[in-house]
Structures are given as C-alpha cells and as structure tokens.
Protein backbone atom coordinates (compact mmCIF):
# COMPACT_ATOMS: atom_id res chain seq x y z
CA MET A 1 111.40 80.60 67.40
CA PRO A 2 111.11 79.20 64.23
CA LYS A 3 113.22 80.51 61.50
CA SER A 4 110.50 81.75 59.44
CA ASN A 5 108.57 83.82 62.71
CA LEU A 6 112.34 85.28 63.36
CA ASN A 7 113.42 86.06 60.07
CA THR A 8 109.80 88.08 59.74
CA GLU A 9 110.35 89.32 63.47
CA LYS A 10 113.87 91.05 61.78
CA LEU A 11 112.07 92.61 59.01
CA GLY A 12 109.69 93.49 60.76
CA ALA A 13 111.96 95.68 62.89
CA LEU A 14 114.37 96.86 59.59
CA PHE A 15 110.62 98.28 58.40
CA LEU A 16 109.79 100.14 61.69
CA LEU A 17 113.87 102.10 61.57
CA GLY A 18 113.20 102.36 58.04
CA VAL A 19 109.80 104.39 58.63
CA LEU A 20 112.59 106.05 62.00
CA MET A 21 115.52 106.88 59.55
CA PHE A 22 112.75 108.66 56.74
CA SER A 23 110.50 110.63 59.29
CA PRO A 24 110.38 114.10 58.38
CA PRO A 25 111.47 115.18 62.11
CA LEU A 26 114.45 113.08 61.71
CA MET A 27 115.66 114.16 58.52
CA GLY A 28 115.07 118.19 59.27
CA ILE A 29 118.07 117.23 61.48
CA PHE A 30 120.15 117.20 58.54
CA ASP A 31 118.63 119.23 56.32
CA ALA A 32 120.36 122.77 57.18
CA GLY A 33 120.43 124.34 54.05
CA ALA A 34 122.61 123.41 50.55
CA HIS A 35 126.00 125.48 52.23
CA VAL A 36 126.29 122.44 53.95
CA THR A 37 128.54 119.28 52.17
CA VAL A 38 129.67 116.21 52.78
CA LEU A 39 132.24 115.37 50.03
CA GLY A 40 130.90 117.93 47.71
CA VAL A 41 126.85 116.57 48.26
CA PRO A 42 124.83 117.85 50.11
CA LEU A 43 124.05 116.66 53.41
CA LEU A 44 120.06 115.92 53.07
CA TYR A 45 120.91 114.14 49.39
CA PHE A 46 124.34 112.28 52.09
CA TYR A 47 122.15 110.73 54.99
CA LEU A 48 119.53 110.42 52.27
CA PHE A 49 121.93 108.41 50.58
CA CYS A 50 124.10 106.94 53.52
CA ALA A 51 119.74 105.64 55.21
CA TRP A 52 119.15 103.55 51.76
CA ALA A 53 121.53 102.02 51.14
CA VAL A 54 121.90 100.71 55.19
CA CYS A 55 118.28 99.42 54.85
CA ILE A 56 118.66 98.00 51.20
CA GLY A 57 122.60 96.63 52.97
CA LEU A 58 120.39 95.11 55.52
CA ALA A 59 117.36 93.34 54.10
CA ALA A 60 120.08 91.74 51.78
CA TRP A 61 121.74 91.22 55.45
CA ILE A 62 118.62 89.32 56.70
CA ILE A 63 117.84 87.57 53.39
CA SER A 64 120.36 86.38 52.83
CA GLU A 65 121.46 84.71 56.43
CA SER A 66 117.59 82.97 56.11
CA ARG A 67 118.49 81.70 53.18
CA ARG A 68 121.77 79.39 54.94
CA ARG A 69 120.00 78.34 57.47
CA PRO A 70 118.88 74.70 56.29
C-alpha cells in the first residue's frame, strides 16, 4: 500500500477516534458534577483536556512518522 494512502487511513482513523471521544454519550460518563475533581480540576474538564492532548499528540506522531520515511 502506498505511503500516502496509509497515512490517509491513519488520519481518518484518528478522526473517527476523535468523534468517538468527543461524542456526548461518552462525555456524559465524565460529567459527574463539580464535586468530582482530579488534581483540583473537574473531571469533565480533565477528560476534555486529556482527550484533546491525545488527539494532537497522535496527529503529530502520524505526520512526523510520514515525513521521516523516504
């Protein structure tokens, strides 16, 4: 399979993962109210920041991996 096609599939899978992670039913699990905190941050905000950071990190990894290979 050509490299560009494989990268397109990886980025498409990342998009679907992002849609899943930011879907309201899944976010509703983490919306336990303001009384549940992680390191002083409400659980929902902590989840959103971590999910966002994972998406950015995976996108950077996929793109840098594609530029490294000839």
